[in-house]
Amino acid sequence: MTQTIDFQRPVRALQRVVERVDDAQVGDPTPCSGRSVGQLVQHIVGLSAAFRAAADKDLGEWTDTGPDESGWPALEPGWRESLSERLPALVEAWRSPDAWQGMTRAGGIDLPGDVAGLVALDEVVLHGWDLARATGQDYTCDDATAETLLGFVEQFDPQGTPGLYGPAVAVSPDAPVFDRVLARTGRDPEWSRA
């Protein structure tokens, strides 16, 4: 079993980015091809609820639906309030050792709790970076989280995994760990909204 990971730092990094999103930016492009800032934010609203439910083994609507079954939704009113409630709940849910044990479901796929936890961490961190880049903000991933994610993403095909990652982007082998995580998931660490 994967050691329990504290989501506090990665979620706080995401919250800082979310708090600084300007309403005028919701139509801007993101590193997620063809997705706007508003669509990315709404995706984060959904994944925060879905992965809280996966941690709690609360199987149902949130855990049974794949993230792209109906496309990335448009931004809904009240998203700031939703995230202010859902992101802390996500942190608390993954603090329970039970979240990391047994089986659960996410995106309509049954998987071990420890794998679901890594997928949730991956989603929080990568989309935090995506949103920061799209809105011209700084984003920092702590070293321990970056190392954990690198070990996770290196398990996937560097040619890309449909629905998860695009083909890996070439970076120097001695690039910072988080840059290697981004590159392995098909993201250009130098991407900017310009």
N, C-alpha and C. Protein backbone atom coordinates (compact mmCIF):
# COMPACT_ATOMS: atom_id res chain seq x y z
N MET A 1 0.83 -1.20 0.00
CA MET A 1 0.00 0.00 0.00
C MET A 1 0.87 1.25 0.00
N THR A 2 0.46 2.26 -0.76
CA THR A 2 1.13 3.55 -0.76
C THR A 2 0.98 4.20 0.61
N GLN A 3 2.03 4.83 1.06
CA GLN A 3 1.94 5.56 2.33
C GLN A 3 0.92 6.67 2.18
N THR A 4 0.14 6.91 3.21
CA THR A 4 -0.84 7.98 3.19
C THR A 4 -0.15 9.31 2.90
N ILE A 5 -0.72 10.07 2.00
CA ILE A 5 -0.16 11.35 1.58
C ILE A 5 -1.06 12.47 2.08
N ASP A 6 -0.47 13.49 2.67
CA ASP A 6 -1.25 14.63 3.14
C ASP A 6 -1.48 15.58 1.97
N PHE A 7 -2.72 15.82 1.66
CA PHE A 7 -3.09 16.68 0.54
C PHE A 7 -3.05 18.17 0.88
N GLN A 8 -2.76 18.52 2.13
CA GLN A 8 -2.87 19.91 2.57
C GLN A 8 -2.06 20.87 1.69
N ARG A 9 -0.79 20.61 1.50
CA ARG A 9 0.05 21.53 0.74
C ARG A 9 -0.36 21.64 -0.72
N PRO A 10 -0.58 20.52 -1.42
CA PRO A 10 -1.01 20.65 -2.82
C PRO A 10 -2.37 21.33 -2.97
N VAL A 11 -3.29 21.04 -2.06
CA VAL A 11 -4.61 21.67 -2.16
C VAL A 11 -4.50 23.15 -1.83
N ARG A 12 -3.68 23.51 -0.87
CA ARG A 12 -3.50 24.93 -0.54
C ARG A 12 -2.90 25.68 -1.73
N ALA A 13 -1.96 25.05 -2.42
CA ALA A 13 -1.38 25.67 -3.62
C ALA A 13 -2.46 25.91 -4.67
N LEU A 14 -3.34 24.92 -4.85
CA LEU A 14 -4.45 25.08 -5.79
C LEU A 14 -5.40 26.18 -5.33
N GLN A 15 -5.72 26.21 -4.04
CA GLN A 15 -6.63 27.23 -3.52
C GLN A 15 -6.09 28.64 -3.77
N ARG A 16 -4.78 28.83 -3.57
CA ARG A 16 -4.19 30.15 -3.81
C ARG A 16 -4.38 30.59 -5.26
N VAL A 17 -4.26 29.65 -6.17
CA VAL A 17 -4.45 29.96 -7.59
C VAL A 17 -5.93 30.28 -7.85
N VAL A 18 -6.81 29.44 -7.36
CA VAL A 18 -8.25 29.63 -7.57
C VAL A 18 -8.70 31.00 -7.05
N GLU A 19 -8.20 31.38 -5.89
CA GLU A 19 -8.61 32.65 -5.27
C GLU A 19 -8.24 33.86 -6.13
N ARG A 20 -7.27 33.70 -7.00
CA ARG A 20 -6.79 34.84 -7.80
C ARG A 20 -7.29 34.80 -9.25
N VAL A 21 -8.16 33.85 -9.57
CA VAL A 21 -8.72 33.81 -10.92
C VAL A 21 -9.69 34.98 -11.07
N ASP A 22 -9.47 35.76 -12.10
CA ASP A 22 -10.33 36.90 -12.40
C ASP A 22 -11.47 36.43 -13.30
N ASP A 23 -12.67 36.91 -13.03
CA ASP A 23 -13.82 36.51 -13.85
C ASP A 23 -13.60 36.81 -15.33
N ALA A 24 -12.79 37.81 -15.64
CA ALA A 24 -12.53 38.16 -17.04
C ALA A 24 -11.66 37.11 -17.73
N GLN A 25 -11.07 36.17 -16.98
CA GLN A 25 -10.18 35.17 -17.56
C GLN A 25 -10.87 33.86 -17.92
N VAL A 26 -12.15 33.70 -17.61
CA VAL A 26 -12.78 32.39 -17.76
C VAL A 26 -12.80 31.88 -19.20
N GLY A 27 -12.70 32.74 -20.18
CA GLY A 27 -12.68 32.30 -21.57
C GLY A 27 -11.29 32.09 -22.13
N ASP A 28 -10.26 32.36 -21.33
CA ASP A 28 -8.88 32.24 -21.79
C ASP A 28 -8.47 30.78 -21.98
N PRO A 29 -7.49 30.54 -22.86
CA PRO A 29 -7.01 29.17 -23.09
C PRO A 29 -6.17 28.65 -21.91
N THR A 30 -6.03 27.34 -21.85
CA THR A 30 -5.23 26.68 -20.82
C THR A 30 -4.26 25.71 -21.49
N PRO A 31 -3.33 25.15 -20.73
CA PRO A 31 -2.48 24.10 -21.29
C PRO A 31 -3.25 22.83 -21.66
N CYS A 32 -4.48 22.70 -21.19
CA CYS A 32 -5.34 21.55 -21.54
C CYS A 32 -5.98 21.87 -22.89
N SER A 33 -5.50 21.25 -23.91
CA SER A 33 -5.87 21.57 -25.29
C SER A 33 -7.38 21.71 -25.49
N GLY A 34 -7.77 22.87 -26.01
CA GLY A 34 -9.17 23.13 -26.31
C GLY A 34 -10.05 23.43 -25.11
N ARG A 35 -9.45 23.59 -23.93
CA ARG A 35 -10.21 23.85 -22.71
C ARG A 35 -9.96 25.27 -22.23
N SER A 36 -11.02 25.94 -21.84
CA SER A 36 -10.90 27.30 -21.32
C SER A 36 -10.64 27.27 -19.82
N VAL A 37 -10.28 28.42 -19.28
CA VAL A 37 -10.10 28.56 -17.84
C VAL A 37 -11.40 28.17 -17.12
N GLY A 38 -12.54 28.64 -17.63
CA GLY A 38 -13.81 28.31 -17.00
C GLY A 38 -14.08 26.81 -17.00
N GLN A 39 -13.82 26.15 -18.11
CA GLN A 39 -14.02 24.70 -18.17
C GLN A 39 -13.08 23.98 -17.21
N LEU A 40 -11.84 24.44 -17.13
CA LEU A 40 -10.88 23.82 -16.21
C LEU A 40 -11.33 24.00 -14.77
N VAL A 41 -11.77 25.19 -14.41
CA VAL A 41 -12.24 25.42 -13.05
C VAL A 41 -13.43 24.52 -12.73
N GLN A 42 -14.37 24.40 -13.66
CA GLN A 42 -15.53 23.54 -13.40
C GLN A 42 -15.11 22.08 -13.29
N HIS A 43 -14.12 21.67 -14.06
CA HIS A 43 -13.56 20.32 -13.94
C HIS A 43 -12.99 20.10 -12.54
N ILE A 44 -12.31 21.10 -12.01
CA ILE A 44 -11.75 21.02 -10.65
C ILE A 44 -12.87 20.94 -9.62
N VAL A 45 -13.95 21.68 -9.84
CA VAL A 45 -15.11 21.59 -8.94
C VAL A 45 -15.61 20.14 -8.89
N GLY A 46 -15.74 19.53 -10.06
CA GLY A 46 -16.23 18.16 -10.11
C GLY A 46 -15.27 17.15 -9.54
N LEU A 47 -13.99 17.27 -9.89
CA LEU A 47 -13.03 16.27 -9.41
C LEU A 47 -12.84 16.35 -7.91
N SER A 48 -12.98 17.55 -7.33
CA SER A 48 -12.83 17.67 -5.88
C SER A 48 -13.93 16.90 -5.16
N ALA A 49 -15.13 16.91 -5.72
CA ALA A 49 -16.23 16.14 -5.13
C ALA A 49 -16.07 14.64 -5.42
N ALA A 50 -15.66 14.31 -6.63
CA ALA A 50 -15.54 12.91 -7.02
C ALA A 50 -14.46 12.19 -6.22
N PHE A 51 -13.32 12.83 -6.03
CA PHE A 51 -12.25 12.16 -5.31
C PHE A 51 -12.45 12.19 -3.79
N ARG A 52 -13.25 13.12 -3.30
CA ARG A 52 -13.66 13.05 -1.89
C ARG A 52 -14.55 11.84 -1.70
N ALA A 53 -15.48 11.64 -2.64
CA ALA A 53 -16.36 10.48 -2.57
C ALA A 53 -15.58 9.18 -2.71
N ALA A 54 -14.58 9.16 -3.57
CA ALA A 54 -13.75 7.96 -3.73
C ALA A 54 -13.01 7.64 -2.43
N ALA A 55 -12.49 8.65 -1.76
CA ALA A 55 -11.79 8.44 -0.49
C ALA A 55 -12.73 7.89 0.56
N ASP A 56 -13.95 8.39 0.59
CA ASP A 56 -14.94 7.97 1.59
C ASP A 56 -15.63 6.65 1.21
N LYS A 57 -15.30 6.12 0.03
CA LYS A 57 -15.96 4.91 -0.50
C LYS A 57 -17.47 5.15 -0.62
N ASP A 58 -17.82 6.38 -0.95
CA ASP A 58 -19.21 6.80 -1.14
C ASP A 58 -19.54 6.64 -2.63
N LEU A 59 -19.70 5.39 -3.04
CA LEU A 59 -19.86 5.09 -4.45
C LEU A 59 -21.25 5.47 -4.93
N GLY A 60 -21.29 6.11 -6.09
CA GLY A 60 -22.56 6.57 -6.64
C GLY A 60 -22.31 7.52 -7.79
N GLU A 61 -23.14 8.53 -7.89
CA GLU A 61 -23.08 9.46 -9.03
C GLU A 61 -21.70 10.07 -9.22
N TRP A 62 -21.07 10.54 -8.14
CA TRP A 62 -19.78 11.22 -8.28
C TRP A 62 -18.66 10.27 -8.73
N THR A 63 -18.72 9.02 -8.29
CA THR A 63 -17.64 8.09 -8.61
C THR A 63 -17.91 7.26 -9.86
N ASP A 64 -19.14 7.25 -10.33
CA ASP A 64 -19.50 6.39 -11.46
C ASP A 64 -19.39 7.06 -12.82
N THR A 65 -19.19 8.35 -12.85
CA THR A 65 -19.17 9.08 -14.10
C THR A 65 -17.74 9.45 -14.47
N GLY A 66 -17.36 9.12 -15.71
CA GLY A 66 -16.05 9.50 -16.20
C GLY A 66 -15.99 11.00 -16.42
N PRO A 67 -14.80 11.60 -16.29
CA PRO A 67 -14.69 13.05 -16.38
C PRO A 67 -15.04 13.64 -17.73
N ASP A 68 -14.94 12.86 -18.79
CA ASP A 68 -15.20 13.41 -20.11
C ASP A 68 -16.43 12.81 -20.78
N GLU A 69 -17.27 12.14 -20.02
CA GLU A 69 -18.43 11.50 -20.63
C GLU A 69 -19.36 12.50 -21.30
N SER A 70 -19.45 13.68 -20.77
CA SER A 70 -20.31 14.69 -21.40
C SER A 70 -19.47 15.91 -21.79
N GLY A 71 -18.17 15.72 -21.95
CA GLY A 71 -17.28 16.83 -22.25
C GLY A 71 -17.01 17.65 -21.01
N TRP A 72 -16.11 18.56 -21.11
CA TRP A 72 -15.81 19.43 -19.97
C TRP A 72 -16.89 20.49 -19.91
N PRO A 73 -17.58 20.59 -18.78
CA PRO A 73 -18.73 21.49 -18.69
C PRO A 73 -18.32 22.96 -18.61
N ALA A 74 -19.28 23.80 -18.95
CA ALA A 74 -19.08 25.24 -18.80
C ALA A 74 -19.08 25.60 -17.32
N LEU A 75 -18.46 26.70 -17.00
CA LEU A 75 -18.38 27.16 -15.62
C LEU A 75 -19.77 27.52 -15.10
N GLU A 76 -20.08 26.98 -13.91
CA GLU A 76 -21.39 27.22 -13.31
C GLU A 76 -21.30 28.29 -12.23
N PRO A 77 -22.37 29.05 -12.02
CA PRO A 77 -22.38 30.03 -10.93
C PRO A 77 -22.11 29.35 -9.59
N GLY A 78 -21.49 30.08 -8.69
CA GLY A 78 -21.23 29.55 -7.36
C GLY A 78 -19.99 28.69 -7.26
N TRP A 79 -19.14 28.70 -8.29
CA TRP A 79 -17.96 27.83 -8.29
C TRP A 79 -16.98 28.19 -7.17
N ARG A 80 -16.86 29.46 -6.86
CA ARG A 80 -15.94 29.85 -5.78
C ARG A 80 -16.39 29.25 -4.44
N GLU A 81 -17.68 29.34 -4.17
CA GLU A 81 -18.22 28.79 -2.93
C GLU A 81 -18.08 27.27 -2.90
N SER A 82 -18.35 26.64 -4.05
CA SER A 82 -18.23 25.19 -4.12
C SER A 82 -16.80 24.74 -3.79
N LEU A 83 -15.82 25.41 -4.39
CA LEU A 83 -14.44 25.02 -4.15
C LEU A 83 -13.99 25.34 -2.73
N SER A 84 -14.52 26.41 -2.14
CA SER A 84 -14.13 26.74 -0.77
C SER A 84 -14.61 25.67 0.21
N GLU A 85 -15.64 24.91 -0.16
CA GLU A 85 -16.13 23.81 0.67
C GLU A 85 -15.49 22.48 0.27
N ARG A 86 -15.42 22.24 -1.03
CA ARG A 86 -14.99 20.92 -1.51
C ARG A 86 -13.50 20.66 -1.36
N LEU A 87 -12.67 21.65 -1.55
CA LEU A 87 -11.23 21.39 -1.46
C LEU A 87 -10.79 21.02 -0.04
N PRO A 88 -11.24 21.74 1.00
CA PRO A 88 -10.89 21.29 2.35
C PRO A 88 -11.47 19.90 2.67
N ALA A 89 -12.66 19.60 2.16
CA ALA A 89 -13.25 18.28 2.39
C ALA A 89 -12.42 17.18 1.72
N LEU A 90 -11.83 17.49 0.58
CA LEU A 90 -10.95 16.55 -0.11
C LEU A 90 -9.73 16.24 0.75
N VAL A 91 -9.14 17.28 1.33
CA VAL A 91 -7.97 17.09 2.20
C VAL A 91 -8.33 16.17 3.37
N GLU A 92 -9.43 16.46 4.02
CA GLU A 92 -9.84 15.67 5.19
C GLU A 92 -10.14 14.22 4.82
N ALA A 93 -10.79 14.02 3.70
CA ALA A 93 -11.14 12.65 3.29
C ALA A 93 -9.90 11.79 3.09
N TRP A 94 -8.85 12.35 2.49
CA TRP A 94 -7.64 11.57 2.21
C TRP A 94 -6.71 11.50 3.41
N ARG A 95 -7.06 12.14 4.52
CA ARG A 95 -6.29 11.98 5.76
C ARG A 95 -6.62 10.67 6.46
N SER A 96 -7.74 10.09 6.12
CA SER A 96 -8.14 8.83 6.75
C SER A 96 -7.34 7.68 6.16
N PRO A 97 -6.69 6.87 6.99
CA PRO A 97 -5.99 5.70 6.47
C PRO A 97 -6.91 4.76 5.68
N ASP A 98 -8.20 4.74 6.04
CA ASP A 98 -9.15 3.88 5.33
C ASP A 98 -9.29 4.28 3.86
N ALA A 99 -9.08 5.55 3.54
CA ALA A 99 -9.20 6.00 2.16
C ALA A 99 -8.19 5.29 1.26
N TRP A 100 -7.04 4.96 1.81
CA TRP A 100 -5.93 4.37 1.05
C TRP A 100 -5.99 2.85 0.99
N GLN A 101 -6.98 2.26 1.64
CA GLN A 101 -7.07 0.80 1.71
C GLN A 101 -8.29 0.31 0.94
N GLY A 102 -8.26 -0.96 0.60
CA GLY A 102 -9.40 -1.57 -0.08
C GLY A 102 -9.60 -1.03 -1.47
N MET A 103 -10.78 -1.25 -1.99
CA MET A 103 -11.13 -0.82 -3.34
C MET A 103 -12.08 0.37 -3.27
N THR A 104 -12.05 1.17 -4.32
CA THR A 104 -12.98 2.28 -4.47
C THR A 104 -13.26 2.46 -5.95
N ARG A 105 -13.84 3.58 -6.31
CA ARG A 105 -14.15 3.85 -7.71
C ARG A 105 -13.93 5.33 -7.98
N ALA A 106 -13.43 5.61 -9.18
CA ALA A 106 -13.28 6.99 -9.64
C ALA A 106 -13.43 6.99 -11.15
N GLY A 107 -14.20 7.93 -11.66
CA GLY A 107 -14.39 8.01 -13.10
C GLY A 107 -15.01 6.77 -13.70
N GLY A 108 -15.80 6.04 -12.89
CA GLY A 108 -16.44 4.83 -13.37
C GLY A 108 -15.53 3.61 -13.40
N ILE A 109 -14.33 3.73 -12.85
CA ILE A 109 -13.36 2.64 -12.86
C ILE A 109 -13.08 2.20 -11.43
N ASP A 110 -13.19 0.91 -11.18
CA ASP A 110 -12.84 0.36 -9.86
C ASP A 110 -11.32 0.28 -9.77
N LEU A 111 -10.78 0.74 -8.65
CA LEU A 111 -9.34 0.72 -8.45
C LEU A 111 -9.00 0.71 -6.97
N PRO A 112 -7.79 0.26 -6.63
CA PRO A 112 -7.40 0.26 -5.21
C PRO A 112 -7.38 1.69 -4.66
N GLY A 113 -7.68 1.81 -3.38
CA GLY A 113 -7.70 3.13 -2.74
C GLY A 113 -6.39 3.87 -2.87
N ASP A 114 -5.25 3.15 -2.74
CA ASP A 114 -3.97 3.85 -2.84
C ASP A 114 -3.72 4.40 -4.24
N VAL A 115 -4.21 3.72 -5.26
CA VAL A 115 -4.08 4.22 -6.63
C VAL A 115 -5.00 5.43 -6.82
N ALA A 116 -6.22 5.34 -6.31
CA ALA A 116 -7.15 6.47 -6.41
C ALA A 116 -6.57 7.71 -5.74
N GLY A 117 -5.88 7.52 -4.61
CA GLY A 117 -5.25 8.65 -3.93
C GLY A 117 -4.19 9.31 -4.78
N LEU A 118 -3.40 8.50 -5.47
CA LEU A 118 -2.37 9.07 -6.35
C LEU A 118 -2.99 9.78 -7.55
N VAL A 119 -4.06 9.22 -8.08
CA VAL A 119 -4.75 9.88 -9.19
C VAL A 119 -5.32 11.22 -8.71
N ALA A 120 -5.90 11.24 -7.53
CA ALA A 120 -6.45 12.48 -6.98
C ALA A 120 -5.35 13.52 -6.79
N LEU A 121 -4.23 13.11 -6.24
CA LEU A 121 -3.10 14.02 -6.05
C LEU A 121 -2.63 14.56 -7.39
N ASP A 122 -2.51 13.68 -8.37
CA ASP A 122 -2.10 14.05 -9.72
C ASP A 122 -3.05 15.11 -10.30
N GLU A 123 -4.34 14.89 -10.15
CA GLU A 123 -5.33 15.84 -10.67
C GLU A 123 -5.22 17.21 -9.99
N VAL A 124 -5.09 17.21 -8.67
CA VAL A 124 -4.99 18.46 -7.92
C VAL A 124 -3.76 19.25 -8.35
N VAL A 125 -2.63 18.58 -8.42
CA VAL A 125 -1.37 19.28 -8.72
C VAL A 125 -1.30 19.71 -10.18
N LEU A 126 -1.56 18.80 -11.09
CA LEU A 126 -1.44 19.15 -12.51
C LEU A 126 -2.43 20.23 -12.91
N HIS A 127 -3.67 20.12 -12.44
CA HIS A 127 -4.64 21.15 -12.81
C HIS A 127 -4.40 22.46 -12.06
N GLY A 128 -3.77 22.38 -10.89
CA GLY A 128 -3.34 23.61 -10.22
C GLY A 128 -2.32 24.34 -11.07
N TRP A 129 -1.36 23.59 -11.60
CA TRP A 129 -0.35 24.19 -12.49
C TRP A 129 -1.01 24.72 -13.76
N ASP A 130 -1.90 23.90 -14.37
CA ASP A 130 -2.59 24.34 -15.60
C ASP A 130 -3.30 25.68 -15.37
N LEU A 131 -4.02 25.77 -14.26
CA LEU A 131 -4.79 26.98 -13.98
C LEU A 131 -3.87 28.16 -13.69
N ALA A 132 -2.79 27.91 -12.98
CA ALA A 132 -1.83 28.98 -12.70
C ALA A 132 -1.23 29.51 -13.99
N ARG A 133 -0.80 28.63 -14.86
CA ARG A 133 -0.21 29.07 -16.14
C ARG A 133 -1.22 29.84 -16.97
N ALA A 134 -2.44 29.35 -17.02
CA ALA A 134 -3.47 29.98 -17.84
C ALA A 134 -3.85 31.36 -17.35
N THR A 135 -3.66 31.62 -16.05
CA THR A 135 -4.07 32.90 -15.47
C THR A 135 -2.87 33.77 -15.09
N GLY A 136 -1.68 33.39 -15.54
CA GLY A 136 -0.49 34.20 -15.31
C GLY A 136 -0.01 34.22 -13.87
N GLN A 137 -0.19 33.11 -13.16
CA GLN A 137 0.22 33.05 -11.76
C GLN A 137 1.40 32.10 -11.58
N ASP A 138 2.10 32.28 -10.48
CA ASP A 138 3.16 31.36 -10.09
C ASP A 138 2.52 30.12 -9.47
N TYR A 139 3.22 29.00 -9.60
CA TYR A 139 2.76 27.76 -8.97
C TYR A 139 3.98 27.02 -8.46
N THR A 140 3.90 26.55 -7.22
CA THR A 140 4.99 25.79 -6.63
C THR A 140 4.48 24.45 -6.15
N CYS A 141 5.20 23.41 -6.54
CA CYS A 141 4.92 22.06 -6.06
C CYS A 141 6.07 21.67 -5.16
N ASP A 142 5.78 21.26 -3.93
CA ASP A 142 6.84 20.89 -3.00
C ASP A 142 7.57 19.64 -3.51
N ASP A 143 8.81 19.47 -3.09
CA ASP A 143 9.67 18.40 -3.60
C ASP A 143 9.11 17.01 -3.32
N ALA A 144 8.58 16.79 -2.12
CA ALA A 144 8.07 15.46 -1.78
C ALA A 144 6.90 15.08 -2.68
N THR A 145 6.01 16.03 -2.93
CA THR A 145 4.86 15.76 -3.82
C THR A 145 5.35 15.51 -5.23
N ALA A 146 6.29 16.31 -5.70
CA ALA A 146 6.82 16.14 -7.06
C ALA A 146 7.47 14.76 -7.22
N GLU A 147 8.23 14.32 -6.24
CA GLU A 147 8.87 12.99 -6.30
C GLU A 147 7.82 11.89 -6.33
N THR A 148 6.79 12.03 -5.51
CA THR A 148 5.71 11.04 -5.50
C THR A 148 5.03 10.98 -6.86
N LEU A 149 4.75 12.14 -7.43
CA LEU A 149 4.07 12.18 -8.72
C LEU A 149 4.95 11.66 -9.84
N LEU A 150 6.24 11.93 -9.78
CA LEU A 150 7.13 11.43 -10.83
C LEU A 150 7.10 9.90 -10.85
N GLY A 151 7.19 9.29 -9.68
CA GLY A 151 7.10 7.84 -9.61
C GLY A 151 5.79 7.31 -10.17
N PHE A 152 4.72 8.06 -9.96
CA PHE A 152 3.40 7.65 -10.44
C PHE A 152 3.31 7.79 -11.96
N VAL A 153 3.64 8.96 -12.50
CA VAL A 153 3.43 9.19 -13.93
C VAL A 153 4.41 8.40 -14.80
N GLU A 154 5.54 8.02 -14.25
CA GLU A 154 6.50 7.22 -15.02
C GLU A 154 5.98 5.81 -15.29
N GLN A 155 4.90 5.41 -14.65
CA GLN A 155 4.30 4.10 -14.90
C GLN A 155 3.48 4.08 -16.19
N PHE A 156 3.19 5.26 -16.74
CA PHE A 156 2.34 5.35 -17.93
C PHE A 156 3.20 5.42 -19.19
N ASP A 157 2.59 5.06 -20.30
CA ASP A 157 3.27 5.04 -21.60
C ASP A 157 3.70 6.46 -21.98
N PRO A 158 4.98 6.67 -22.26
CA PRO A 158 5.42 8.01 -22.65
C PRO A 158 4.83 8.48 -23.98
N GLN A 159 4.23 7.55 -24.73
CA GLN A 159 3.57 7.94 -25.98
C GLN A 159 2.21 8.59 -25.71
N GLY A 160 1.79 8.55 -24.47
CA GLY A 160 0.51 9.15 -24.10
C GLY A 160 -0.50 8.09 -23.67
N THR A 161 -1.44 8.50 -22.85
CA THR A 161 -2.51 7.62 -22.39
C THR A 161 -3.82 8.37 -22.62
N PRO A 162 -4.60 7.95 -23.62
CA PRO A 162 -5.84 8.68 -23.93
C PRO A 162 -6.70 8.89 -22.69
N GLY A 163 -7.19 10.10 -22.55
CA GLY A 163 -8.02 10.45 -21.42
C GLY A 163 -7.25 10.88 -20.19
N LEU A 164 -5.92 10.66 -20.20
CA LEU A 164 -5.08 11.07 -19.07
C LEU A 164 -3.99 12.04 -19.49
N TYR A 165 -3.09 11.56 -20.34
CA TYR A 165 -1.91 12.35 -20.69
C TYR A 165 -1.66 12.31 -22.20
N GLY A 166 -1.09 13.42 -22.68
CA GLY A 166 -0.61 13.44 -24.05
C GLY A 166 0.78 12.84 -24.10
N PRO A 167 1.36 12.75 -25.29
CA PRO A 167 2.72 12.24 -25.41
C PRO A 167 3.69 13.09 -24.59
N ALA A 168 4.68 12.43 -24.01
CA ALA A 168 5.66 13.12 -23.18
C ALA A 168 6.41 14.17 -24.00
N VAL A 169 6.75 15.26 -23.33
CA VAL A 169 7.53 16.35 -23.91
C VAL A 169 8.98 16.15 -23.48
N ALA A 170 9.91 16.37 -24.39
CA ALA A 170 11.33 16.18 -24.06
C ALA A 170 11.82 17.30 -23.15
N VAL A 171 12.47 16.92 -22.06
CA VAL A 171 13.18 17.85 -21.18
C VAL A 171 14.49 17.20 -20.79
N SER A 172 15.39 18.00 -20.29
CA SER A 172 16.69 17.49 -19.86
C SER A 172 16.50 16.50 -18.71
N PRO A 173 17.30 15.42 -18.68
CA PRO A 173 17.20 14.46 -17.58
C PRO A 173 17.51 15.08 -16.22
N ASP A 174 18.23 16.21 -16.21
CA ASP A 174 18.53 16.86 -14.94
C ASP A 174 17.63 18.07 -14.70
N ALA A 175 16.51 18.14 -15.43
CA ALA A 175 15.52 19.21 -15.20
C ALA A 175 14.94 19.03 -13.80
N PRO A 176 14.41 20.09 -13.21
CA PRO A 176 13.76 19.95 -11.90
C PRO A 176 12.71 18.84 -11.93
N VAL A 177 12.53 18.19 -10.80
CA VAL A 177 11.61 17.05 -10.72
C VAL A 177 10.22 17.42 -11.21
N PHE A 178 9.70 18.56 -10.78
CA PHE A 178 8.34 18.91 -11.19
C PHE A 178 8.26 19.16 -12.69
N ASP A 179 9.29 19.72 -13.28
CA ASP A 179 9.31 19.89 -14.74
C ASP A 179 9.25 18.53 -15.43
N ARG A 180 9.93 17.53 -14.86
CA ARG A 180 9.88 16.18 -15.44
C ARG A 180 8.50 15.56 -15.30
N VAL A 181 7.81 15.86 -14.19
CA VAL A 181 6.43 15.40 -14.02
C VAL A 181 5.56 16.02 -15.11
N LEU A 182 5.65 17.33 -15.27
CA LEU A 182 4.85 18.02 -16.27
C LEU A 182 5.12 17.47 -17.66
N ALA A 183 6.40 17.31 -17.99
CA ALA A 183 6.77 16.83 -19.31
C ALA A 183 6.26 15.42 -19.57
N ARG A 184 6.35 14.58 -18.57
CA ARG A 184 5.91 13.18 -18.74
C ARG A 184 4.40 13.10 -18.97
N THR A 185 3.66 14.10 -18.50
CA THR A 185 2.21 14.10 -18.69
C THR A 185 1.79 14.88 -19.93
N GLY A 186 2.76 15.20 -20.78
CA GLY A 186 2.45 15.87 -22.04
C GLY A 186 2.36 17.37 -21.95
N ARG A 187 2.83 17.94 -20.85
CA ARG A 187 2.79 19.38 -20.66
C ARG A 187 4.17 19.98 -20.90
N ASP A 188 4.19 21.11 -21.59
CA ASP A 188 5.43 21.84 -21.78
C ASP A 188 5.65 22.71 -20.56
N PRO A 189 6.71 22.47 -19.76
CA PRO A 189 6.93 23.28 -18.56
C PRO A 189 7.08 24.77 -18.85
N GLU A 190 7.36 25.10 -20.11
CA GLU A 190 7.51 26.51 -20.49
C GLU A 190 6.23 27.11 -21.04
N TRP A 191 5.12 26.38 -21.03
CA TRP A 191 3.87 26.87 -21.60
C TRP A 191 3.48 28.19 -20.94
N SER A 192 3.03 29.13 -21.75
CA SER A 192 2.50 30.39 -21.20
C SER A 192 1.30 30.79 -22.04
N ARG A 193 0.47 31.63 -21.47
CA ARG A 193 -0.75 32.06 -22.17
C ARG A 193 -0.44 32.97 -23.32
N ALA A 194 0.77 33.50 -23.39
CA ALA A 194 1.16 34.31 -24.55
C ALA A 194 1.45 33.38 -25.69
